[in-house]
């Protein structure tokens, strides 16, 4: 599985994973979080908007506070004027030229208005039925309710939250009893703090292993026998998962549904990496290609997928 990483970028592009998912921790993002996380937690305690969501939206909408709208008008959430706005405003190009955006005297006012904007708008009311720790539900709900037109908006928020561990701020708004209960639950189910994103390939669900993942942890997260996970992915039970490994949550298919009918072997390919790349059972690949199960493919060789 050492070379599976070579295909992650290709798979992500095919599945339209947002660009932000590939970002590394940026100093500007870290500085923004350090400066404004206490305010986001304060807003969560007052208005029940998850601090992780507030911070992720602030980071994304304001470019970590570096956008012109944020620098000159203290608007960190891209909120437009709307019919009922009676405060200061500025004009900027967005979905249309010269649109009206709210302007604030202080960043704190922008954060407060963001919370009130969500609390007071009926289309976001269903979000407040979710737990404050359900950042994925909030992110998807914001997109569904029309907060932004970007089709990848929810995924971008989720990726920022997971890249910068923003979910940890959501527990600060809990009572001591709730926090103890949550921490106790995390000891039993650590994946709840940072669940894996699920992708699709060959009509099969899969996740990308992180550093420290095991079959047991993934099995617990998705309610699947860890022994079955190893079997589904043609791996030995004692295999140590590596960061970047593709792990299918169901048994792979007997062929590919993709248009491609064969794979041309490249440097670093193995029959197993090809099997994982296309979601086709390893045993089936050997059979389709009339190969022995110890065959090592050569560069330029065609491996038939169906």
C-alpha atoms as a PDB file:
ATOM      1  CA  UNK A   1       0.000   0.000   0.000  1.00  0.00           C
ATOM      2  CA  UNK A   2       3.044   2.345  -0.049  1.00  0.00           C
ATOM      3  CA  UNK A   3       2.132   3.764  -3.425  1.00  0.00           C
ATOM      4  CA  UNK A   4      -1.566   4.352  -2.919  1.00  0.00           C
ATOM      5  CA  UNK A   5      -0.733   7.951  -2.049  1.00  0.00           C
ATOM      6  CA  UNK A   6       0.290   8.464  -5.671  1.00  0.00           C
ATOM      7  CA  UNK A   7      -3.345   8.194  -6.647  1.00  0.00           C
ATOM      8  CA  UNK A   8      -4.982  10.231  -3.916  1.00  0.00           C
ATOM      9  CA  UNK A   9      -4.699  13.517  -5.799  1.00  0.00           C
ATOM     10  CA  UNK A  10      -6.133  11.959  -8.960  1.00  0.00           C
ATOM     11  CA  UNK A  11      -9.039  10.439  -7.070  1.00  0.00           C
ATOM     12  CA  UNK A  12      -9.767  13.672  -5.251  1.00  0.00           C
ATOM     13  CA  UNK A  13      -9.889  15.584  -8.528  1.00  0.00           C
ATOM     14  CA  UNK A  14     -12.256  13.072 -10.048  1.00  0.00           C
ATOM     15  CA  UNK A  15     -14.517  13.297  -7.042  1.00  0.00           C
ATOM     16  CA  UNK A  16     -14.461  17.096  -6.979  1.00  0.00           C
ATOM     17  CA  UNK A  17     -12.954  17.377  -3.527  1.00  0.00           C
ATOM     18  CA  UNK A  18     -12.460  21.075  -2.785  1.00  0.00           C
ATOM     19  CA  UNK A  19      -9.032  22.605  -3.122  1.00  0.00           C
ATOM     20  CA  UNK A  20      -8.978  23.557   0.546  1.00  0.00           C
ATOM     21  CA  UNK A  21      -8.847  19.851   1.452  1.00  0.00           C
ATOM     22  CA  UNK A  22      -5.223  19.746   0.314  1.00  0.00           C
ATOM     23  CA  UNK A  23      -4.080  22.768   2.260  1.00  0.00           C
ATOM     24  CA  UNK A  24      -1.518  22.544   5.014  1.00  0.00           C
ATOM     25  CA  UNK A  25      -1.807  24.561   8.174  1.00  0.00           C
ATOM     26  CA  UNK A  26      -1.175  28.169   7.256  1.00  0.00           C
ATOM     27  CA  UNK A  27       0.289  30.706   9.659  1.00  0.00           C
ATOM     28  CA  UNK A  28      -2.407  33.245   8.776  1.00  0.00           C
ATOM     29  CA  UNK A  29      -5.107  30.711   9.664  1.00  0.00           C
ATOM     30  CA  UNK A  30      -3.400  29.826  12.960  1.00  0.00           C
ATOM     31  CA  UNK A  31      -3.084  33.504  13.873  1.00  0.00           C
ATOM     32  CA  UNK A  32      -6.729  34.143  13.040  1.00  0.00           C
ATOM     33  CA  UNK A  33      -7.871  31.212  15.180  1.00  0.00           C
ATOM     34  CA  UNK A  34      -5.703  32.286  18.109  1.00  0.00           C
ATOM     35  CA  UNK A  35      -7.107  35.811  17.948  1.00  0.00           C
ATOM     36  CA  UNK A  36     -10.793  35.107  17.403  1.00  0.00           C
ATOM     37  CA  UNK A  37     -11.487  31.675  18.905  1.00  0.00           C
ATOM     38  CA  UNK A  38     -12.448  33.160  22.326  1.00  0.00           C
ATOM     39  CA  UNK A  39     -14.987  35.405  20.607  1.00  0.00           C
ATOM     40  CA  UNK A  40     -16.415  32.474  18.635  1.00  0.00           C
ATOM     41  CA  UNK A  41     -16.818  30.492  21.869  1.00  0.00           C
ATOM     42  CA  UNK A  42     -18.490  33.485  23.522  1.00  0.00           C
ATOM     43  CA  UNK A  43     -20.933  33.725  20.603  1.00  0.00           C
ATOM     44  CA  UNK A  44     -21.653  29.997  20.884  1.00  0.00           C
ATOM     45  CA  UNK A  45     -22.525  30.347  24.562  1.00  0.00           C
ATOM     46  CA  UNK A  46     -24.840  33.274  23.827  1.00  0.00           C
ATOM     47  CA  UNK A  47     -26.476  32.124  20.584  1.00  0.00           C
ATOM     48  CA  UNK A  48     -25.781  28.357  20.240  1.00  0.00           C
ATOM     49  CA  UNK A  49     -23.920  28.597  16.926  1.00  0.00           C
ATOM     50  CA  UNK A  50     -20.999  26.111  17.058  1.00  0.00           C
ATOM     51  CA  UNK A  51     -17.701  27.908  17.523  1.00  0.00           C
ATOM     52  CA  UNK A  52     -16.124  25.634  14.918  1.00  0.00           C
ATOM     53  CA  UNK A  53     -18.641  26.773  12.310  1.00  0.00           C
ATOM     54  CA  UNK A  54     -18.225  30.445  13.175  1.00  0.00           C
ATOM     55  CA  UNK A  55     -14.437  30.204  12.939  1.00  0.00           C
ATOM     56  CA  UNK A  56     -14.487  28.169   9.729  1.00  0.00           C
ATOM     57  CA  UNK A  57     -16.878  30.616   8.065  1.00  0.00           C
ATOM     58  CA  UNK A  58     -14.788  33.544   9.263  1.00  0.00           C
ATOM     59  CA  UNK A  59     -11.618  31.974   7.895  1.00  0.00           C
ATOM     60  CA  UNK A  60     -13.187  31.073   4.572  1.00  0.00           C
ATOM     61  CA  UNK A  61     -15.229  34.210   3.975  1.00  0.00           C
ATOM     62  CA  UNK A  62     -12.556  36.672   5.070  1.00  0.00           C
ATOM     63  CA  UNK A  63      -9.436  34.859   3.889  1.00  0.00           C
ATOM     64  CA  UNK A  64      -8.307  34.649   7.519  1.00  0.00           C
ATOM     65  CA  UNK A  65      -9.118  38.329   7.997  1.00  0.00           C
ATOM     66  CA  UNK A  66      -7.002  39.442   5.033  1.00  0.00           C
ATOM     67  CA  UNK A  67      -9.722  40.164   2.466  1.00  0.00           C
ATOM     68  CA  UNK A  68     -10.463  43.765   1.555  1.00  0.00           C
ATOM     69  CA  UNK A  69     -13.978  43.482   2.977  1.00  0.00           C
ATOM     70  CA  UNK A  70     -12.565  42.244   6.293  1.00  0.00           C
ATOM     71  CA  UNK A  71      -9.706  44.747   6.480  1.00  0.00           C
ATOM     72  CA  UNK A  72     -11.645  47.841   5.490  1.00  0.00           C
ATOM     73  CA  UNK A  73     -15.173  47.046   6.702  1.00  0.00           C
ATOM     74  CA  UNK A  74     -14.641  44.426   9.444  1.00  0.00           C
ATOM     75  CA  UNK A  75     -17.058  42.098   7.638  1.00  0.00           C
ATOM     76  CA  UNK A  76     -15.696  38.599   8.310  1.00  0.00           C
ATOM     77  CA  UNK A  77     -18.677  36.581   7.080  1.00  0.00           C
ATOM     78  CA  UNK A  78     -19.529  38.040   3.688  1.00  0.00           C
ATOM     79  CA  UNK A  79     -23.012  39.066   4.848  1.00  0.00           C
ATOM     80  CA  UNK A  80     -24.781  41.276   2.338  1.00  0.00           C
ATOM     81  CA  UNK A  81     -26.995  44.205   3.267  1.00  0.00           C
ATOM     82  CA  UNK A  82     -30.416  42.688   2.699  1.00  0.00           C
ATOM     83  CA  UNK A  83     -33.665  44.645   2.848  1.00  0.00           C
ATOM     84  CA  UNK A  84     -33.690  45.150   6.594  1.00  0.00           C
ATOM     85  CA  UNK A  85     -30.144  46.430   7.043  1.00  0.00           C
ATOM     86  CA  UNK A  86     -29.932  50.006   8.343  1.00  0.00           C
ATOM     87  CA  UNK A  87     -26.270  50.120   9.273  1.00  0.00           C
ATOM     88  CA  UNK A  88     -23.130  51.127   7.394  1.00  0.00           C
ATOM     89  CA  UNK A  89     -22.467  49.495   4.038  1.00  0.00           C
ATOM     90  CA  UNK A  90     -19.906  49.185   1.258  1.00  0.00           C
ATOM     91  CA  UNK A  91     -20.043  48.083  -2.353  1.00  0.00           C
ATOM     92  CA  UNK A  92     -18.065  45.150  -3.767  1.00  0.00           C
ATOM     93  CA  UNK A  93     -18.276  42.655  -6.628  1.00  0.00           C
ATOM     94  CA  UNK A  94     -19.487  39.168  -5.748  1.00  0.00           C
ATOM     95  CA  UNK A  95     -22.149  37.080  -7.505  1.00  0.00           C
ATOM     96  CA  UNK A  96     -23.052  40.326  -9.273  1.00  0.00           C
ATOM     97  CA  UNK A  97     -21.150  43.601  -9.746  1.00  0.00           C
ATOM     98  CA  UNK A  98     -21.317  46.348  -7.119  1.00  0.00           C
ATOM     99  CA  UNK A  99     -23.273  44.424  -4.486  1.00  0.00           C
ATOM    100  CA  UNK A 100     -24.098  45.888  -1.067  1.00  0.00           C
ATOM    101  CA  UNK A 101     -22.273  44.418   1.939  1.00  0.00           C
ATOM    102  CA  UNK A 102     -22.643  45.213   5.615  1.00  0.00           C
ATOM    103  CA  UNK A 103     -19.850  47.226   7.248  1.00  0.00           C
ATOM    104  CA  UNK A 104     -19.015  47.253  10.957  1.00  0.00           C
ATOM    105  CA  UNK A 105     -17.052  49.464  13.320  1.00  0.00           C
ATOM    106  CA  UNK A 106     -15.450  46.468  15.033  1.00  0.00           C
ATOM    107  CA  UNK A 107     -14.801  42.827  14.197  1.00  0.00           C
ATOM    108  CA  UNK A 108     -16.735  41.930  17.348  1.00  0.00           C
ATOM    109  CA  UNK A 109     -19.819  43.536  15.781  1.00  0.00           C
ATOM    110  CA  UNK A 110     -19.393  41.330  12.715  1.00  0.00           C
ATOM    111  CA  UNK A 111     -19.321  38.213  14.881  1.00  0.00           C
ATOM    112  CA  UNK A 112     -22.396  39.296  16.802  1.00  0.00           C
ATOM    113  CA  UNK A 113     -24.281  40.128  13.614  1.00  0.00           C
ATOM    114  CA  UNK A 114     -23.326  36.757  12.111  1.00  0.00           C
ATOM    115  CA  UNK A 115     -24.892  34.958  15.075  1.00  0.00           C
ATOM    116  CA  UNK A 116     -28.022  37.121  14.980  1.00  0.00           C
ATOM    117  CA  UNK A 117     -28.247  36.655  11.216  1.00  0.00           C
ATOM    118  CA  UNK A 118     -28.461  32.874  11.678  1.00  0.00           C
ATOM    119  CA  UNK A 119     -30.685  32.980  14.771  1.00  0.00           C
ATOM    120  CA  UNK A 120     -33.147  35.436  13.256  1.00  0.00           C
ATOM    121  CA  UNK A 121     -33.469  33.858   9.818  1.00  0.00           C
ATOM    122  CA  UNK A 122     -36.166  31.196   9.532  1.00  0.00           C
ATOM    123  CA  UNK A 123     -34.331  29.245   6.843  1.00  0.00           C
ATOM    124  CA  UNK A 124     -31.572  28.410   9.331  1.00  0.00           C
ATOM    125  CA  UNK A 125     -33.933  27.411  12.165  1.00  0.00           C
ATOM    126  CA  UNK A 126     -33.505  23.659  11.611  1.00  0.00           C
ATOM    127  CA  UNK A 127     -29.772  23.967  12.317  1.00  0.00           C
ATOM    128  CA  UNK A 128     -30.451  24.825  15.941  1.00  0.00           C
ATOM    129  CA  UNK A 129     -32.044  21.403  16.404  1.00  0.00           C
ATOM    130  CA  UNK A 130     -28.601  19.862  15.805  1.00  0.00           C
ATOM    131  CA  UNK A 131     -26.012  19.271  18.493  1.00  0.00           C
ATOM    132  CA  UNK A 132     -23.306  21.902  18.744  1.00  0.00           C
ATOM    133  CA  UNK A 133     -20.768  19.127  18.138  1.00  0.00           C
ATOM    134  CA  UNK A 134     -22.387  18.172  14.808  1.00  0.00           C
ATOM    135  CA  UNK A 135     -20.257  20.487  12.688  1.00  0.00           C
ATOM    136  CA  UNK A 136     -20.843  18.407   9.560  1.00  0.00           C
ATOM    137  CA  UNK A 137     -24.597  18.750   9.928  1.00  0.00           C
ATOM    138  CA  UNK A 138     -24.236  22.501  10.401  1.00  0.00           C
ATOM    139  CA  UNK A 139     -21.928  22.890   7.399  1.00  0.00           C
ATOM    140  CA  UNK A 140     -24.243  20.942   5.111  1.00  0.00           C
ATOM    141  CA  UNK A 141     -27.285  22.735   6.505  1.00  0.00           C
ATOM    142  CA  UNK A 142     -25.786  26.160   5.818  1.00  0.00           C
ATOM    143  CA  UNK A 143     -25.123  25.205   2.209  1.00  0.00           C
ATOM    144  CA  UNK A 144     -28.587  23.688   1.781  1.00  0.00           C
ATOM    145  CA  UNK A 145     -30.211  26.788   3.249  1.00  0.00           C
ATOM    146  CA  UNK A 146     -28.392  28.977   0.740  1.00  0.00           C
ATOM    147  CA  UNK A 147     -25.754  30.737   2.836  1.00  0.00           C
ATOM    148  CA  UNK A 148     -23.339  30.488  -0.120  1.00  0.00           C
ATOM    149  CA  UNK A 149     -23.639  29.633  -3.809  1.00  0.00           C
ATOM    150  CA  UNK A 150     -20.386  27.670  -3.949  1.00  0.00           C
ATOM    151  CA  UNK A 151     -21.390  23.982  -4.438  1.00  0.00           C
ATOM    152  CA  UNK A 152     -18.347  22.925  -2.381  1.00  0.00           C
ATOM    153  CA  UNK A 153     -19.084  25.300   0.494  1.00  0.00           C
ATOM    154  CA  UNK A 154     -20.003  22.607   3.038  1.00  0.00           C
ATOM    155  CA  UNK A 155     -16.966  20.471   2.213  1.00  0.00           C
ATOM    156  CA  UNK A 156     -14.672  23.477   2.496  1.00  0.00           C
ATOM    157  CA  UNK A 157     -16.006  24.325   5.958  1.00  0.00           C
ATOM    158  CA  UNK A 158     -15.670  20.710   7.112  1.00  0.00           C
ATOM    159  CA  UNK A 159     -12.114  20.470   5.793  1.00  0.00           C
ATOM    160  CA  UNK A 160     -11.067  23.685   7.539  1.00  0.00           C
ATOM    161  CA  UNK A 161     -12.593  22.458  10.800  1.00  0.00           C
ATOM    162  CA  UNK A 162     -10.792  19.119  10.571  1.00  0.00           C
ATOM    163  CA  UNK A 163      -7.480  20.545   9.338  1.00  0.00           C
ATOM    164  CA  UNK A 164      -7.293  23.036  12.202  1.00  0.00           C
ATOM    165  CA  UNK A 165      -9.057  20.927  14.877  1.00  0.00           C
ATOM    166  CA  UNK A 166     -11.710  23.602  15.332  1.00  0.00           C
ATOM    167  CA  UNK A 167     -14.219  21.061  16.652  1.00  0.00           C
ATOM    168  CA  UNK A 168     -12.430  21.187  20.010  1.00  0.00           C
ATOM    169  CA  UNK A 169     -13.884  24.666  20.637  1.00  0.00           C
ATOM    170  CA  UNK A 170     -17.442  23.318  20.455  1.00  0.00           C
ATOM    171  CA  UNK A 171     -17.098  21.615  23.842  1.00  0.00           C
ATOM    172  CA  UNK A 172     -16.269  24.922  25.553  1.00  0.00           C
ATOM    173  CA  UNK A 173     -19.916  25.905  25.410  1.00  0.00           C
ATOM    174  CA  UNK A 174     -21.051  22.825  27.322  1.00  0.00           C
ATOM    175  CA  UNK A 175     -21.810  22.629  31.015  1.00  0.00           C
ATOM    176  CA  UNK A 176     -19.236  20.807  33.133  1.00  0.00           C
ATOM    177  CA  UNK A 177     -21.544  17.807  33.260  1.00  0.00           C
ATOM    178  CA  UNK A 178     -22.007  17.780  29.472  1.00  0.00           C
ATOM    179  CA  UNK A 179     -18.270  18.195  28.922  1.00  0.00           C
ATOM    180  CA  UNK A 180     -17.454  15.265  31.236  1.00  0.00           C
ATOM    181  CA  UNK A 181     -20.026  13.119  29.466  1.00  0.00           C
ATOM    182  CA  UNK A 182     -18.599  14.096  26.081  1.00  0.00           C
ATOM    183  CA  UNK A 183     -15.014  13.389  27.140  1.00  0.00           C
ATOM    184  CA  UNK A 184     -16.056  10.012  28.535  1.00  0.00           C
ATOM    185  CA  UNK A 185     -17.760   9.192  25.242  1.00  0.00           C
ATOM    186  CA  UNK A 186     -14.655  10.235  23.281  1.00  0.00           C
ATOM    187  CA  UNK A 187     -12.534   7.751  25.212  1.00  0.00           C
ATOM    188  CA  UNK A 188     -14.785   4.980  23.971  1.00  0.00           C
ATOM    189  CA  UNK A 189     -15.384   6.441  20.514  1.00  0.00           C
ATOM    190  CA  UNK A 190     -12.461   8.792  19.667  1.00  0.00           C
ATOM    191  CA  UNK A 191     -13.566   9.128  16.038  1.00  0.00           C
ATOM    192  CA  UNK A 192     -16.552  11.269  17.112  1.00  0.00           C
ATOM    193  CA  UNK A 193     -14.223  14.240  17.580  1.00  0.00           C
ATOM    194  CA  UNK A 194     -12.911  14.024  14.048  1.00  0.00           C
ATOM    195  CA  UNK A 195     -14.919  11.627  11.863  1.00  0.00           C
ATOM    196  CA  UNK A 196     -13.532  10.483   8.523  1.00  0.00           C
ATOM    197  CA  UNK A 197     -14.898  11.977   5.343  1.00  0.00           C
ATOM    198  CA  UNK A 198     -16.442   9.319   3.094  1.00  0.00           C
ATOM    199  CA  UNK A 199     -15.679   9.286  -0.629  1.00  0.00           C
ATOM    200  CA  UNK A 200     -17.109   7.241  -3.487  1.00  0.00           C
ATOM    201  CA  UNK A 201     -15.241   5.219  -6.127  1.00  0.00           C
ATOM    202  CA  UNK A 202     -16.720   2.547  -8.386  1.00  0.00           C
ATOM    203  CA  UNK A 203     -20.025   3.115  -6.531  1.00  0.00           C
ATOM    204  CA  UNK A 204     -18.339   2.059  -3.283  1.00  0.00           C
ATOM    205  CA  UNK A 205     -17.778   4.074  -0.125  1.00  0.00           C
ATOM    206  CA  UNK A 206     -14.210   4.434   1.095  1.00  0.00           C
ATOM    207  CA  UNK A 207     -12.172   6.533   3.516  1.00  0.00           C
ATOM    208  CA  UNK A 208      -8.556   7.643   3.499  1.00  0.00           C
ATOM    209  CA  UNK A 209      -6.600   6.383   6.489  1.00  0.00           C
ATOM    210  CA  UNK A 210      -4.931   8.864   8.795  1.00  0.00           C
ATOM    211  CA  UNK A 211      -1.798   8.490  10.862  1.00  0.00           C
ATOM    212  CA  UNK A 212      -2.616   6.230  13.797  1.00  0.00           C
ATOM    213  CA  UNK A 213      -5.698   4.622  12.259  1.00  0.00           C
ATOM    214  CA  UNK A 214      -6.305   0.903  12.755  1.00  0.00           C
ATOM    215  CA  UNK A 215      -8.852  -1.514  11.383  1.00  0.00           C
ATOM    216  CA  UNK A 216     -10.372  -1.620  14.869  1.00  0.00           C
ATOM    217  CA  UNK A 217     -10.845   2.172  15.031  1.00  0.00           C
ATOM    218  CA  UNK A 218     -12.345   2.362  11.542  1.00  0.00           C
ATOM    219  CA  UNK A 219     -14.552  -0.617  12.245  1.00  0.00           C
ATOM    220  CA  UNK A 220     -15.849   1.040  15.402  1.00  0.00           C
ATOM    221  CA  UNK A 221     -16.540   4.313  13.614  1.00  0.00           C
ATOM    222  CA  UNK A 222     -18.554   2.730  10.819  1.00  0.00           C
ATOM    223  CA  UNK A 223     -20.057  -0.214  12.670  1.00  0.00           C
ATOM    224  CA  UNK A 224     -18.182  -2.786  10.595  1.00  0.00           C
ATOM    225  CA  UNK A 225     -16.215  -5.792  11.784  1.00  0.00           C
ATOM    226  CA  UNK A 226     -12.537  -4.879  11.639  1.00  0.00           C
ATOM    227  CA  UNK A 227     -11.797  -8.342  10.288  1.00  0.00           C
ATOM    228  CA  UNK A 228     -14.217  -7.715   7.416  1.00  0.00           C
ATOM    229  CA  UNK A 229     -12.509  -4.391   6.663  1.00  0.00           C
ATOM    230  CA  UNK A 230      -9.195  -6.188   6.232  1.00  0.00           C
ATOM    231  CA  UNK A 231     -10.853  -8.767   3.990  1.00  0.00           C
ATOM    232  CA  UNK A 232     -12.728  -6.169   1.916  1.00  0.00           C
ATOM    233  CA  UNK A 233      -9.399  -4.481   1.160  1.00  0.00           C
ATOM    234  CA  UNK A 234      -7.403  -7.658   0.436  1.00  0.00           C
ATOM    235  CA  UNK A 235      -5.139  -7.078   3.421  1.00  0.00           C
ATOM    236  CA  UNK A 236      -3.850  -9.269   6.223  1.00  0.00           C
ATOM    237  CA  UNK A 237      -5.427  -8.674   9.617  1.00  0.00           C
ATOM    238  CA  UNK A 238      -2.059  -7.719  11.092  1.00  0.00           C
ATOM    239  CA  UNK A 239      -1.401  -5.106   8.382  1.00  0.00           C
ATOM    240  CA  UNK A 240      -0.504  -1.692   9.836  1.00  0.00           C
ATOM    241  CA  UNK A 241      -2.516   1.039   8.140  1.00  0.00           C
ATOM    242  CA  UNK A 242      -0.496   3.874   6.644  1.00  0.00           C
ATOM    243  CA  UNK A 243      -1.576   7.469   6.225  1.00  0.00           C
ATOM    244  CA  UNK A 244      -3.132   7.803   2.770  1.00  0.00           C
ATOM    245  CA  UNK A 245      -4.303   4.194   2.442  1.00  0.00           C
ATOM    246  CA  UNK A 246      -7.639   3.778   0.667  1.00  0.00           C
ATOM    247  CA  UNK A 247      -9.942   1.637   2.790  1.00  0.00           C
ATOM    248  CA  UNK A 248     -13.252   0.444   1.353  1.00  0.00           C
ATOM    249  CA  UNK A 249     -16.215  -0.005   3.681  1.00  0.00           C
ATOM    250  CA  UNK A 250     -17.783  -2.735   1.568  1.00  0.00           C
ATOM    251  CA  UNK A 251     -16.437  -5.597  -0.488  1.00  0.00           C
ATOM    252  CA  UNK A 252     -14.982  -4.348  -3.754  1.00  0.00           C
ATOM    253  CA  UNK A 253     -16.731  -5.048  -7.054  1.00  0.00           C
ATOM    254  CA  UNK A 254     -15.869  -7.707  -9.616  1.00  0.00           C
ATOM    255  CA  UNK A 255     -15.247  -5.060 -12.266  1.00  0.00           C
ATOM    256  CA  UNK A 256     -15.245  -1.306 -12.704  1.00  0.00           C
ATOM    257  CA  UNK A 257     -18.232   0.821 -13.696  1.00  0.00           C
ATOM    258  CA  UNK A 258     -15.873   3.449 -15.106  1.00  0.00           C
ATOM    259  CA  UNK A 259     -15.473   3.943 -18.846  1.00  0.00           C
ATOM    260  CA  UNK A 260     -11.892   2.686 -18.688  1.00  0.00           C
ATOM    261  CA  UNK A 261     -11.625  -1.024 -19.402  1.00  0.00           C
ATOM    262  CA  UNK A 262      -7.941  -1.364 -18.553  1.00  0.00           C
ATOM    263  CA  UNK A 263      -5.212   0.345 -16.552  1.00  0.00           C
ATOM    264  CA  UNK A 264      -1.796   0.986 -18.029  1.00  0.00           C
ATOM    265  CA  UNK A 265       0.808   0.244 -15.385  1.00  0.00           C
ATOM    266  CA  UNK A 266       2.947   3.152 -14.243  1.00  0.00           C
ATOM    267  CA  UNK A 267       6.020   3.325 -12.051  1.00  0.00           C
ATOM    268  CA  UNK A 268       5.196   2.275  -8.499  1.00  0.00           C
ATOM    269  CA  UNK A 269       2.020   0.386  -9.409  1.00  0.00           C
ATOM    270  CA  UNK A 270       1.239  -2.975  -7.918  1.00  0.00           C
ATOM    271  CA  UNK A 271      -1.749  -5.211  -8.481  1.00  0.00           C
ATOM    272  CA  UNK A 272      -3.014  -4.204  -5.046  1.00  0.00           C
ATOM    273  CA  UNK A 273      -2.756  -0.453  -5.635  1.00  0.00           C
ATOM    274  CA  UNK A 274      -4.598  -0.884  -8.935  1.00  0.00           C
ATOM    275  CA  UNK A 275      -7.252  -2.907  -7.128  1.00  0.00           C
ATOM    276  CA  UNK A 276      -7.688  -0.123  -4.568  1.00  0.00           C
ATOM    277  CA  UNK A 277      -7.614   2.643  -7.159  1.00  0.00           C
ATOM    278  CA  UNK A 278     -10.520   1.193  -9.118  1.00  0.00           C
ATOM    279  CA  UNK A 279     -12.414  -0.596  -6.343  1.00  0.00           C
ATOM    280  CA  UNK A 280     -12.032  -3.997  -8.023  1.00  0.00           C
ATOM    281  CA  UNK A 281     -11.302  -7.171  -6.068  1.00  0.00           C
ATOM    282  CA  UNK A 282      -7.667  -8.216  -6.245  1.00  0.00           C
ATOM    283  CA  UNK A 283      -8.571 -11.854  -6.841  1.00  0.00           C
ATOM    284  CA  UNK A 284     -10.789 -10.789  -9.749  1.00  0.00           C
ATOM    285  CA  UNK A 285      -7.976  -8.750 -11.334  1.00  0.00           C
ATOM    286  CA  UNK A 286      -5.687 -11.761 -11.326  1.00  0.00           C
ATOM    287  CA  UNK A 287      -8.435 -13.904 -12.845  1.00  0.00           C
ATOM    288  CA  UNK A 288      -9.415 -11.358 -15.512  1.00  0.00           C
ATOM    289  CA  UNK A 289      -5.793 -11.029 -16.576  1.00  0.00           C
ATOM    290  CA  UNK A 290      -4.945 -14.735 -16.248  1.00  0.00           C
ATOM    291  CA  UNK A 291      -2.143 -13.904 -13.834  1.00  0.00           C
ATOM    292  CA  UNK A 292      -0.618 -15.817 -10.958  1.00  0.00           C
ATOM    293  CA  UNK A 293      -1.349 -14.271  -7.578  1.00  0.00           C
ATOM    294  CA  UNK A 294       2.297 -13.282  -7.177  1.00  0.00           C
ATOM    295  CA  UNK A 295       2.481 -11.449 -10.524  1.00  0.00           C
ATOM    296  CA  UNK A 296       4.382  -8.150 -10.486  1.00  0.00           C
ATOM    297  CA  UNK A 297       3.112  -5.868 -13.280  1.00  0.00           C
ATOM    298  CA  UNK A 298       5.635  -4.116 -15.503  1.00  0.00           C
ATOM    299  CA  UNK A 299       5.519  -0.484 -16.574  1.00  0.00           C
ATOM    300  CA  UNK A 300       3.380  -0.145 -19.702  1.00  0.00           C
ATOM    301  CA  UNK A 301       1.559  -3.427 -19.127  1.00  0.00           C
ATOM    302  CA  UNK A 302      -2.212  -3.374 -19.474  1.00  0.00           C
ATOM    303  CA  UNK A 303      -4.277  -4.653 -16.566  1.00  0.00           C
ATOM    304  CA  UNK A 304      -7.851  -5.355 -17.633  1.00  0.00           C
ATOM    305  CA  UNK A 305     -10.554  -4.101 -15.290  1.00  0.00           C
ATOM    306  CA  UNK A 306     -13.590  -5.818 -16.771  1.00  0.00           C
END
